[in-house]
């Protein structure tokens, strides 16, 4: 039996959203207050960053067509340990050293930046800078800017759109 036949149609989902009750200003304020509380929680920030690390590691494994067992063997760790990391098991508190080891085995580097949420962070990879330099005169190079947002995500601007 096809599992997709059990899924609701796009039209029915959109209809359900349209029929949902309107969000009141009080509910919007409550949500904003909750978001601010999360932004001020070191535990939430750490959990979010761990999830981002695990997502990057999973994507690298997928790109290499490697499973967790093979990766664990190559890393010299047990499959259970790697599985706990990938499942964000609270009993496994992995360190920057651990993250750097895993990343290096997957052909990646770890960069840690600490900044104020309202500060602008300038980003430019060596490769993109080198490629831009080779293809354009120096005066046309524009740095990428990324603004840290309160939700823990970065908003990236390449300067191509006028404000």
N, C-alpha and C. Protein backbone atom coordinates (compact mmCIF):
# COMPACT_ATOMS: atom_id res chain seq x y z
N UNK A 1 0.84 -1.20 0.00
CA UNK A 1 0.00 0.00 0.00
C UNK A 1 0.87 1.25 0.00
N UNK A 2 0.54 2.22 -0.78
CA UNK A 2 1.31 3.44 -0.90
C UNK A 2 0.99 4.37 0.26
N UNK A 3 2.03 4.75 1.03
CA UNK A 3 1.83 5.64 2.18
C UNK A 3 1.40 7.03 1.76
N UNK A 4 1.77 7.44 0.55
CA UNK A 4 1.42 8.78 0.11
C UNK A 4 -0.07 8.94 -0.10
N UNK A 5 -0.79 7.85 -0.35
CA UNK A 5 -2.23 7.96 -0.55
C UNK A 5 -2.95 8.32 0.75
N UNK A 6 -2.29 8.11 1.89
CA UNK A 6 -2.86 8.45 3.19
C UNK A 6 -2.63 9.90 3.58
N UNK A 7 -1.81 10.60 2.81
CA UNK A 7 -1.50 12.00 3.12
C UNK A 7 -2.62 12.91 2.66
N UNK A 8 -2.89 13.98 3.41
CA UNK A 8 -3.93 14.92 2.98
C UNK A 8 -3.47 15.71 1.76
N UNK A 9 -4.41 16.19 0.99
CA UNK A 9 -4.07 16.98 -0.19
C UNK A 9 -3.62 18.37 0.23
N UNK A 10 -2.91 19.02 -0.66
CA UNK A 10 -2.45 20.39 -0.40
C UNK A 10 -3.66 21.30 -0.18
N UNK A 11 -4.68 21.11 -0.97
CA UNK A 11 -5.87 21.95 -0.84
C UNK A 11 -6.53 21.81 0.52
N UNK A 12 -6.58 20.58 1.05
CA UNK A 12 -7.21 20.39 2.36
C UNK A 12 -6.37 21.00 3.47
N UNK A 13 -5.06 20.94 3.33
CA UNK A 13 -4.19 21.55 4.34
C UNK A 13 -4.34 23.07 4.30
N UNK A 14 -4.33 23.65 3.10
CA UNK A 14 -4.51 25.09 2.97
C UNK A 14 -5.87 25.53 3.50
N UNK A 15 -6.88 24.73 3.23
CA UNK A 15 -8.22 25.03 3.74
C UNK A 15 -8.26 25.01 5.25
N UNK A 16 -7.54 24.07 5.87
CA UNK A 16 -7.49 24.00 7.33
C UNK A 16 -6.81 25.24 7.91
N UNK A 17 -5.74 25.70 7.25
CA UNK A 17 -5.08 26.92 7.72
C UNK A 17 -6.00 28.13 7.59
N UNK A 18 -6.70 28.21 6.47
CA UNK A 18 -7.61 29.33 6.26
C UNK A 18 -8.74 29.34 7.28
N UNK A 19 -9.19 28.15 7.68
CA UNK A 19 -10.29 28.05 8.64
C UNK A 19 -9.83 28.23 10.08
N UNK A 20 -8.53 28.21 10.33
CA UNK A 20 -8.01 28.32 11.70
C UNK A 20 -8.37 29.70 12.27
N UNK A 21 -8.50 29.72 13.58
CA UNK A 21 -8.85 30.97 14.26
C UNK A 21 -7.74 32.00 14.10
N UNK A 22 -8.13 33.24 14.04
CA UNK A 22 -7.19 34.35 13.91
C UNK A 22 -6.36 34.48 15.19
N UNK A 23 -5.10 34.80 15.05
CA UNK A 23 -4.23 35.00 16.21
C UNK A 23 -4.46 36.40 16.75
N UNK A 24 -4.73 36.49 18.03
CA UNK A 24 -5.01 37.78 18.66
C UNK A 24 -3.71 38.50 18.97
N UNK A 25 -3.77 39.82 19.15
CA UNK A 25 -2.56 40.56 19.55
C UNK A 25 -1.98 40.05 20.87
N UNK A 26 -2.83 39.62 21.79
CA UNK A 26 -2.34 39.07 23.06
C UNK A 26 -1.54 37.79 22.83
N UNK A 27 -2.02 36.94 21.90
CA UNK A 27 -1.30 35.71 21.58
C UNK A 27 0.03 36.02 20.88
N UNK A 28 0.02 37.03 20.01
CA UNK A 28 1.26 37.45 19.35
C UNK A 28 2.26 37.94 20.38
N UNK A 29 1.80 38.71 21.36
CA UNK A 29 2.68 39.23 22.41
C UNK A 29 3.24 38.08 23.26
N UNK A 30 2.39 37.11 23.56
CA UNK A 30 2.83 35.95 24.34
C UNK A 30 3.91 35.18 23.58
N UNK A 31 3.73 35.02 22.29
CA UNK A 31 4.72 34.34 21.46
C UNK A 31 6.04 35.13 21.43
N UNK A 32 5.94 36.44 21.28
CA UNK A 32 7.14 37.28 21.26
C UNK A 32 7.88 37.18 22.60
N UNK A 33 7.14 37.19 23.70
CA UNK A 33 7.75 37.07 25.03
C UNK A 33 8.45 35.71 25.18
N UNK A 34 7.80 34.67 24.69
CA UNK A 34 8.39 33.33 24.75
C UNK A 34 9.67 33.26 23.92
N UNK A 35 9.67 33.89 22.74
CA UNK A 35 10.87 33.91 21.90
C UNK A 35 12.01 34.64 22.59
N UNK A 36 11.70 35.77 23.25
CA UNK A 36 12.74 36.50 23.97
C UNK A 36 13.31 35.65 25.10
N UNK A 37 12.46 34.94 25.79
CA UNK A 37 12.93 34.07 26.88
C UNK A 37 13.86 32.99 26.34
N UNK A 38 13.51 32.40 25.19
CA UNK A 38 14.38 31.40 24.58
C UNK A 38 15.71 32.01 24.16
N UNK A 39 15.67 33.21 23.61
CA UNK A 39 16.90 33.88 23.18
C UNK A 39 17.86 34.11 24.34
N UNK A 40 17.32 34.25 25.53
CA UNK A 40 18.14 34.53 26.71
C UNK A 40 18.54 33.25 27.45
N UNK A 41 18.16 32.10 26.94
CA UNK A 41 18.47 30.82 27.58
C UNK A 41 19.73 30.20 27.00
N UNK A 42 20.81 30.11 27.80
CA UNK A 42 22.03 29.46 27.30
C UNK A 42 21.78 28.00 26.91
N UNK A 43 20.93 27.30 27.63
CA UNK A 43 20.63 25.90 27.32
C UNK A 43 19.98 25.79 25.95
N UNK A 44 19.00 26.66 25.67
CA UNK A 44 18.35 26.64 24.36
C UNK A 44 19.36 26.93 23.26
N UNK A 45 20.21 27.94 23.48
CA UNK A 45 21.22 28.30 22.48
C UNK A 45 22.17 27.13 22.23
N UNK A 46 22.61 26.47 23.29
CA UNK A 46 23.52 25.33 23.15
C UNK A 46 22.83 24.19 22.41
N UNK A 47 21.58 23.90 22.77
CA UNK A 47 20.85 22.83 22.09
C UNK A 47 20.65 23.13 20.61
N UNK A 48 20.36 24.40 20.29
CA UNK A 48 20.19 24.80 18.90
C UNK A 48 21.49 24.61 18.12
N UNK A 49 22.61 25.01 18.72
CA UNK A 49 23.90 24.86 18.03
C UNK A 49 24.27 23.40 17.87
N UNK A 50 23.97 22.56 18.88
CA UNK A 50 24.22 21.12 18.75
C UNK A 50 23.41 20.55 17.60
N UNK A 51 22.16 20.96 17.50
CA UNK A 51 21.31 20.48 16.41
C UNK A 51 21.88 20.91 15.06
N UNK A 52 22.39 22.13 14.98
CA UNK A 52 23.00 22.61 13.74
C UNK A 52 24.24 21.78 13.37
N UNK A 53 25.06 21.44 14.38
CA UNK A 53 26.25 20.63 14.15
C UNK A 53 25.85 19.25 13.64
N UNK A 54 24.90 18.62 14.31
CA UNK A 54 24.47 17.28 13.92
C UNK A 54 23.89 17.30 12.50
N UNK A 55 23.14 18.35 12.17
CA UNK A 55 22.59 18.46 10.81
C UNK A 55 23.72 18.53 9.78
N UNK A 56 24.75 19.32 10.06
CA UNK A 56 25.88 19.43 9.14
C UNK A 56 26.61 18.09 9.01
N UNK A 57 26.80 17.39 10.13
CA UNK A 57 27.47 16.09 10.08
C UNK A 57 26.64 15.07 9.30
N UNK A 58 25.32 15.08 9.52
CA UNK A 58 24.44 14.16 8.78
C UNK A 58 24.52 14.43 7.28
N UNK A 59 24.49 15.70 6.90
CA UNK A 59 24.56 16.05 5.49
C UNK A 59 25.88 15.60 4.88
N UNK A 60 26.97 15.75 5.63
CA UNK A 60 28.28 15.32 5.13
C UNK A 60 28.32 13.80 4.97
N UNK A 61 27.74 13.08 5.93
CA UNK A 61 27.68 11.62 5.80
C UNK A 61 26.87 11.21 4.58
N UNK A 62 25.72 11.86 4.40
CA UNK A 62 24.88 11.56 3.24
C UNK A 62 25.62 11.82 1.93
N UNK A 63 26.35 12.92 1.89
CA UNK A 63 27.09 13.29 0.68
C UNK A 63 28.16 12.24 0.36
N UNK A 64 28.75 11.67 1.41
CA UNK A 64 29.77 10.64 1.24
C UNK A 64 29.16 9.25 1.05
N UNK A 65 27.84 9.15 1.14
CA UNK A 65 27.14 7.86 1.07
C UNK A 65 27.69 6.89 2.12
N UNK A 66 27.88 7.43 3.33
CA UNK A 66 28.44 6.66 4.43
C UNK A 66 27.41 6.57 5.54
N UNK A 67 27.29 5.40 6.15
CA UNK A 67 26.35 5.27 7.26
C UNK A 67 27.07 5.51 8.59
N UNK A 68 26.30 5.58 9.66
CA UNK A 68 26.88 5.88 10.97
C UNK A 68 27.83 4.79 11.43
N UNK A 69 27.54 3.54 11.12
CA UNK A 69 28.40 2.42 11.54
C UNK A 69 29.78 2.52 10.88
N UNK A 70 29.80 2.79 9.59
CA UNK A 70 31.07 2.92 8.87
C UNK A 70 31.85 4.13 9.39
N UNK A 71 31.13 5.22 9.64
CA UNK A 71 31.77 6.42 10.16
C UNK A 71 32.36 6.15 11.54
N UNK A 72 31.61 5.47 12.40
CA UNK A 72 32.09 5.14 13.74
C UNK A 72 33.37 4.31 13.67
N UNK A 73 33.38 3.34 12.79
CA UNK A 73 34.57 2.48 12.64
C UNK A 73 35.76 3.30 12.18
N UNK A 74 35.55 4.15 11.20
CA UNK A 74 36.64 5.00 10.68
C UNK A 74 37.14 5.97 11.74
N UNK A 75 36.24 6.43 12.60
CA UNK A 75 36.57 7.39 13.66
C UNK A 75 37.20 6.70 14.87
N UNK A 76 37.00 5.40 14.99
CA UNK A 76 37.51 4.67 16.14
C UNK A 76 36.60 4.79 17.35
N UNK A 77 35.33 5.05 17.12
CA UNK A 77 34.33 5.15 18.18
C UNK A 77 33.32 4.02 18.01
N UNK A 78 32.54 3.80 19.04
CA UNK A 78 31.50 2.77 18.92
C UNK A 78 30.32 3.32 18.13
N UNK A 79 29.59 2.40 17.48
CA UNK A 79 28.40 2.80 16.74
C UNK A 79 27.39 3.45 17.69
N UNK A 80 27.30 2.93 18.92
CA UNK A 80 26.36 3.47 19.89
C UNK A 80 26.69 4.92 20.25
N UNK A 81 27.98 5.23 20.39
CA UNK A 81 28.39 6.60 20.71
C UNK A 81 28.01 7.55 19.58
N UNK A 82 28.33 7.16 18.36
CA UNK A 82 28.00 7.99 17.20
C UNK A 82 26.48 8.15 17.09
N UNK A 83 25.76 7.09 17.33
CA UNK A 83 24.30 7.15 17.27
C UNK A 83 23.75 8.11 18.32
N UNK A 84 24.33 8.09 19.51
CA UNK A 84 23.87 9.02 20.57
C UNK A 84 24.12 10.47 20.16
N UNK A 85 25.25 10.72 19.53
CA UNK A 85 25.53 12.09 19.05
C UNK A 85 24.50 12.49 18.00
N UNK A 86 24.28 11.62 17.03
CA UNK A 86 23.37 11.94 15.93
C UNK A 86 21.92 12.03 16.38
N UNK A 87 21.58 11.39 17.48
CA UNK A 87 20.22 11.46 18.01
C UNK A 87 20.09 12.53 19.09
N UNK A 88 21.13 13.31 19.30
CA UNK A 88 21.15 14.37 20.31
C UNK A 88 20.74 13.83 21.69
N UNK A 89 21.24 12.64 22.01
CA UNK A 89 20.97 12.02 23.29
C UNK A 89 21.53 12.91 24.40
N UNK A 90 20.69 13.24 25.38
CA UNK A 90 21.10 14.16 26.45
C UNK A 90 22.22 13.58 27.31
N UNK A 91 22.41 12.27 27.26
CA UNK A 91 23.49 11.66 28.04
C UNK A 91 24.85 11.85 27.39
N UNK A 92 24.87 12.32 26.15
CA UNK A 92 26.12 12.51 25.41
C UNK A 92 26.36 14.00 25.24
N UNK A 93 27.31 14.51 26.00
CA UNK A 93 27.65 15.93 25.94
C UNK A 93 28.94 16.05 25.13
N UNK A 94 28.81 16.20 23.81
CA UNK A 94 30.01 16.25 22.99
C UNK A 94 30.64 17.64 23.03
N UNK A 95 31.97 17.67 22.96
CA UNK A 95 32.74 18.90 23.11
C UNK A 95 33.15 19.45 21.75
N UNK A 96 33.75 20.63 21.78
CA UNK A 96 34.28 21.21 20.54
C UNK A 96 35.36 20.30 19.97
N UNK A 97 36.16 19.67 20.83
CA UNK A 97 37.18 18.73 20.35
C UNK A 97 36.53 17.59 19.57
N UNK A 98 35.45 17.04 20.11
CA UNK A 98 34.74 15.94 19.46
C UNK A 98 34.17 16.40 18.12
N UNK A 99 33.57 17.56 18.12
CA UNK A 99 32.98 18.11 16.89
C UNK A 99 34.07 18.31 15.83
N UNK A 100 35.22 18.86 16.25
CA UNK A 100 36.32 19.11 15.32
C UNK A 100 36.86 17.80 14.74
N UNK A 101 36.97 16.77 15.57
CA UNK A 101 37.43 15.46 15.08
C UNK A 101 36.48 14.91 14.03
N UNK A 102 35.20 14.91 14.35
CA UNK A 102 34.19 14.38 13.42
C UNK A 102 34.19 15.18 12.12
N UNK A 103 34.24 16.50 12.25
CA UNK A 103 34.23 17.36 11.06
C UNK A 103 35.44 17.09 10.18
N UNK A 104 36.61 16.96 10.78
CA UNK A 104 37.81 16.73 10.00
C UNK A 104 37.72 15.40 9.25
N UNK A 105 37.19 14.38 9.90
CA UNK A 105 37.03 13.08 9.23
C UNK A 105 36.08 13.17 8.03
N UNK A 106 35.19 14.17 8.07
CA UNK A 106 34.23 14.34 6.99
C UNK A 106 34.65 15.44 6.01
N UNK A 107 35.91 15.90 6.15
CA UNK A 107 36.44 16.90 5.22
C UNK A 107 35.93 18.31 5.47
N UNK A 108 35.58 18.59 6.71
CA UNK A 108 35.05 19.92 7.05
C UNK A 108 35.90 20.55 8.15
N UNK A 109 35.66 21.82 8.38
CA UNK A 109 36.30 22.57 9.46
C UNK A 109 35.23 23.12 10.38
N UNK A 110 35.62 23.38 11.61
CA UNK A 110 34.71 23.97 12.59
C UNK A 110 35.14 25.41 12.83
N UNK A 111 34.18 26.31 12.78
CA UNK A 111 34.42 27.71 13.11
C UNK A 111 33.42 28.10 14.18
N UNK A 112 33.92 28.67 15.27
CA UNK A 112 33.05 29.12 16.35
C UNK A 112 33.17 30.63 16.43
N UNK A 113 32.04 31.30 16.42
CA UNK A 113 32.02 32.76 16.54
C UNK A 113 31.12 33.13 17.70
N UNK A 114 31.61 34.00 18.54
CA UNK A 114 30.81 34.52 19.65
C UNK A 114 30.63 36.01 19.39
N UNK A 115 29.39 36.44 19.40
CA UNK A 115 29.10 37.85 19.11
C UNK A 115 27.79 38.25 19.74
N UNK A 116 27.57 39.53 19.80
CA UNK A 116 26.29 40.04 20.29
C UNK A 116 25.25 39.81 19.20
N UNK A 117 24.01 39.45 19.58
CA UNK A 117 22.99 39.16 18.57
C UNK A 117 22.75 40.31 17.59
N UNK A 118 22.91 41.53 18.04
CA UNK A 118 22.62 42.65 17.15
C UNK A 118 23.81 43.04 16.27
N UNK A 119 24.97 42.42 16.50
CA UNK A 119 26.15 42.74 15.70
C UNK A 119 26.07 42.09 14.34
N UNK A 120 26.69 42.76 13.38
CA UNK A 120 26.76 42.20 12.04
C UNK A 120 28.04 41.39 11.93
N UNK A 121 27.93 40.24 11.32
CA UNK A 121 29.07 39.34 11.17
C UNK A 121 29.43 39.30 9.69
N UNK A 122 30.69 39.55 9.37
CA UNK A 122 31.13 39.50 7.98
C UNK A 122 31.62 38.08 7.67
N UNK A 123 31.09 37.52 6.60
CA UNK A 123 31.45 36.16 6.21
C UNK A 123 32.04 36.15 4.82
N UNK A 124 33.08 35.37 4.63
CA UNK A 124 33.63 35.14 3.30
C UNK A 124 34.50 33.91 3.37
N UNK A 125 34.18 32.93 2.59
CA UNK A 125 35.01 31.72 2.59
C UNK A 125 36.23 31.98 1.74
N UNK A 126 37.28 31.26 2.02
CA UNK A 126 38.52 31.41 1.24
C UNK A 126 38.26 31.11 -0.23
N UNK A 127 37.51 30.07 -0.49
CA UNK A 127 37.26 29.67 -1.87
C UNK A 127 36.47 30.73 -2.61
N UNK A 128 35.39 31.24 -2.01
CA UNK A 128 34.59 32.24 -2.72
C UNK A 128 35.38 33.52 -2.92
N UNK A 129 36.22 33.89 -1.95
CA UNK A 129 37.04 35.09 -2.10
C UNK A 129 38.06 34.90 -3.21
N UNK A 130 38.68 33.72 -3.24
CA UNK A 130 39.69 33.43 -4.27
C UNK A 130 39.05 33.40 -5.65
N UNK A 131 37.89 32.74 -5.77
CA UNK A 131 37.21 32.66 -7.06
C UNK A 131 36.72 34.04 -7.52
N UNK A 132 36.22 34.84 -6.59
CA UNK A 132 35.77 36.18 -6.94
C UNK A 132 36.96 37.04 -7.39
N UNK A 133 38.10 36.88 -6.73
CA UNK A 133 39.28 37.65 -7.09
C UNK A 133 39.75 37.29 -8.50
N UNK A 134 39.69 36.00 -8.83
CA UNK A 134 40.15 35.56 -10.14
C UNK A 134 39.24 36.04 -11.26
N UNK A 135 37.96 36.18 -10.97
CA UNK A 135 37.02 36.49 -12.04
C UNK A 135 36.65 37.97 -12.13
N UNK A 136 36.98 38.77 -11.12
CA UNK A 136 36.57 40.18 -11.11
C UNK A 136 37.71 41.06 -10.64
N UNK A 137 37.69 42.32 -11.05
CA UNK A 137 38.67 43.25 -10.50
C UNK A 137 38.42 43.44 -9.00
N UNK A 138 39.48 43.75 -8.26
CA UNK A 138 39.38 43.90 -6.80
C UNK A 138 38.30 44.89 -6.37
N UNK A 139 38.11 45.95 -7.10
CA UNK A 139 37.15 46.98 -6.68
C UNK A 139 35.72 46.47 -6.69
N UNK A 140 35.45 45.39 -7.42
CA UNK A 140 34.08 44.91 -7.50
C UNK A 140 33.75 43.86 -6.44
N UNK A 141 34.75 43.45 -5.64
CA UNK A 141 34.48 42.45 -4.61
C UNK A 141 33.64 43.06 -3.49
N UNK A 142 32.58 42.38 -3.14
CA UNK A 142 31.72 42.83 -2.06
C UNK A 142 31.71 41.75 -0.99
N UNK A 143 31.97 42.12 0.28
CA UNK A 143 31.90 41.11 1.32
C UNK A 143 30.45 40.71 1.57
N UNK A 144 30.26 39.46 1.93
CA UNK A 144 28.93 39.02 2.33
C UNK A 144 28.72 39.47 3.76
N UNK A 145 27.53 39.94 4.07
CA UNK A 145 27.26 40.27 5.45
C UNK A 145 26.13 39.39 5.94
N UNK A 146 26.25 39.00 7.18
CA UNK A 146 25.22 38.15 7.77
C UNK A 146 24.84 38.76 9.10
N UNK A 147 23.58 38.93 9.32
CA UNK A 147 23.10 39.50 10.56
C UNK A 147 22.51 38.40 11.42
N UNK A 148 23.03 38.29 12.64
CA UNK A 148 22.48 37.29 13.56
C UNK A 148 21.10 37.76 14.02
N UNK A 149 20.14 36.89 13.91
CA UNK A 149 18.78 37.23 14.30
C UNK A 149 18.46 36.57 15.63
N UNK A 150 17.40 37.04 16.25
CA UNK A 150 17.04 36.53 17.57
C UNK A 150 16.62 35.07 17.54
N UNK A 151 16.29 34.52 16.38
CA UNK A 151 15.87 33.13 16.31
C UNK A 151 17.05 32.18 16.12
N UNK A 152 18.28 32.70 16.21
CA UNK A 152 19.45 31.85 16.09
C UNK A 152 19.88 31.60 14.65
N UNK A 153 19.22 32.22 13.69
CA UNK A 153 19.57 32.04 12.28
C UNK A 153 20.30 33.27 11.78
N UNK A 154 20.96 33.11 10.66
CA UNK A 154 21.66 34.23 10.04
C UNK A 154 20.91 34.68 8.80
N UNK A 155 20.81 35.98 8.65
CA UNK A 155 20.25 36.55 7.43
C UNK A 155 21.45 37.01 6.60
N UNK A 156 21.62 36.45 5.41
CA UNK A 156 22.81 36.73 4.60
C UNK A 156 22.45 37.69 3.48
N UNK A 157 23.30 38.69 3.30
CA UNK A 157 23.10 39.69 2.26
C UNK A 157 24.37 39.78 1.44
N UNK A 158 24.24 39.57 0.14
CA UNK A 158 25.44 39.65 -0.73
C UNK A 158 25.58 41.02 -1.35
N UNK A 159 24.75 41.96 -0.99
CA UNK A 159 24.85 43.31 -1.49
C UNK A 159 24.26 43.49 -2.88
N UNK A 160 23.65 42.46 -3.43
CA UNK A 160 23.14 42.56 -4.80
C UNK A 160 21.79 43.25 -4.88
N UNK A 161 21.06 43.34 -3.78
CA UNK A 161 19.75 43.98 -3.79
C UNK A 161 19.84 45.35 -3.10
N UNK A 162 19.29 46.33 -3.72
CA UNK A 162 19.29 47.66 -3.11
C UNK A 162 18.23 47.72 -2.04
N UNK A 163 18.55 48.37 -0.94
CA UNK A 163 17.60 48.47 0.17
C UNK A 163 16.65 49.62 -0.04
